[in-house]
């Protein structure tokens, strides 16, 4: 399965993605995103400074307002689009 980076505060999302068979990496700093197919962020501090540096080539999904199941479905859709 895919290697998914998940922000540290999103433990329910980490558990759901692990149940789905993905390798889950906890995102604590920018370098943790290296090699990830997709990253899930909380969206609370998204682009606070207006900078647009990218650390990965894959999708970045904001978890704001979404359940763990919603995020799991979004990850599946994004991974299919990348293939």
Protein backbone atom coordinates (compact mmCIF):
# COMPACT_ATOMS: atom_id res chain seq x y z
CA UNK A 1 0.00 0.00 0.00
CA UNK A 2 0.94 3.66 0.11
CA UNK A 3 3.16 5.59 2.49
CA UNK A 4 0.98 8.27 4.10
CA UNK A 5 2.23 11.15 6.26
CA UNK A 6 -0.25 12.18 8.95
CA UNK A 7 0.03 15.17 11.27
CA UNK A 8 0.75 14.11 14.84
CA UNK A 9 -2.57 15.34 16.30
CA UNK A 10 -4.70 13.20 13.96
CA UNK A 11 -4.48 9.87 15.82
CA UNK A 12 -7.91 8.62 14.68
CA UNK A 13 -6.86 9.17 11.06
CA UNK A 14 -3.55 7.38 11.66
CA UNK A 15 -5.39 4.36 13.08
CA UNK A 16 -7.90 4.22 10.21
CA UNK A 17 -5.20 4.40 7.54
CA UNK A 18 -3.18 1.68 9.29
CA UNK A 19 -6.30 -0.50 9.37
CA UNK A 20 -6.60 0.10 5.62
CA UNK A 21 -3.08 -1.32 5.23
CA UNK A 22 -1.12 1.87 4.60
CA UNK A 23 2.29 2.67 6.05
CA UNK A 24 1.67 5.70 8.27
CA UNK A 25 4.42 8.22 9.04
CA UNK A 26 3.88 10.80 11.79
CA UNK A 27 4.57 14.31 10.50
CA UNK A 28 6.50 16.30 13.09
CA UNK A 29 8.71 18.34 10.76
CA UNK A 30 8.96 19.04 7.04
CA UNK A 31 11.52 16.30 6.36
CA UNK A 32 9.07 13.64 7.60
CA UNK A 33 7.04 14.17 4.40
CA UNK A 34 9.91 13.01 2.18
CA UNK A 35 8.98 9.81 0.37
CA UNK A 36 5.29 10.01 1.25
CA UNK A 37 2.69 9.38 -1.44
CA UNK A 38 0.18 11.59 0.35
CA UNK A 39 0.05 13.79 3.48
CA UNK A 40 -2.85 14.56 5.82
CA UNK A 41 -2.75 17.83 7.74
CA UNK A 42 -5.13 19.19 10.36
CA UNK A 43 -5.60 22.44 8.43
CA UNK A 44 -5.37 24.52 11.61
CA UNK A 45 -2.08 26.15 10.70
CA UNK A 46 -2.31 25.71 6.93
CA UNK A 47 -0.26 28.32 5.05
CA UNK A 48 -0.22 30.79 7.96
CA UNK A 49 2.66 32.79 6.52
CA UNK A 50 1.52 32.66 2.88
CA UNK A 51 4.52 30.55 1.82
CA UNK A 52 4.06 27.85 -0.80
CA UNK A 53 7.12 25.61 -0.51
CA UNK A 54 6.30 21.98 -1.26
CA UNK A 55 8.04 19.07 0.39
CA UNK A 56 6.30 16.22 -1.48
CA UNK A 57 5.11 15.46 -5.00
CA UNK A 58 1.92 13.72 -3.79
CA UNK A 59 -1.40 15.07 -2.60
CA UNK A 60 -1.87 17.10 0.58
CA UNK A 61 -5.29 16.63 2.17
CA UNK A 62 -6.70 18.94 4.84
CA UNK A 63 -8.58 16.98 7.52
CA UNK A 64 -10.52 20.04 8.64
CA UNK A 65 -14.21 19.11 8.90
CA UNK A 66 -13.68 15.51 7.72
CA UNK A 67 -14.07 12.22 9.58
CA UNK A 68 -11.41 9.49 9.50
CA UNK A 69 -13.61 7.54 7.04
CA UNK A 70 -13.95 10.60 4.77
CA UNK A 71 -10.19 11.03 4.76
CA UNK A 72 -9.64 7.34 4.01
CA UNK A 73 -11.92 7.62 0.96
CA UNK A 74 -10.16 10.80 -0.18
CA UNK A 75 -6.76 9.08 0.13
CA UNK A 76 -7.99 6.18 -2.02
CA UNK A 77 -9.27 8.56 -4.69
CA UNK A 78 -6.05 10.59 -4.76
CA UNK A 79 -3.88 7.47 -4.95
CA UNK A 80 -5.92 6.15 -7.89
CA UNK A 81 -5.48 9.49 -9.69
CA UNK A 82 -1.70 9.29 -9.24
CA UNK A 83 -1.49 5.92 -10.99
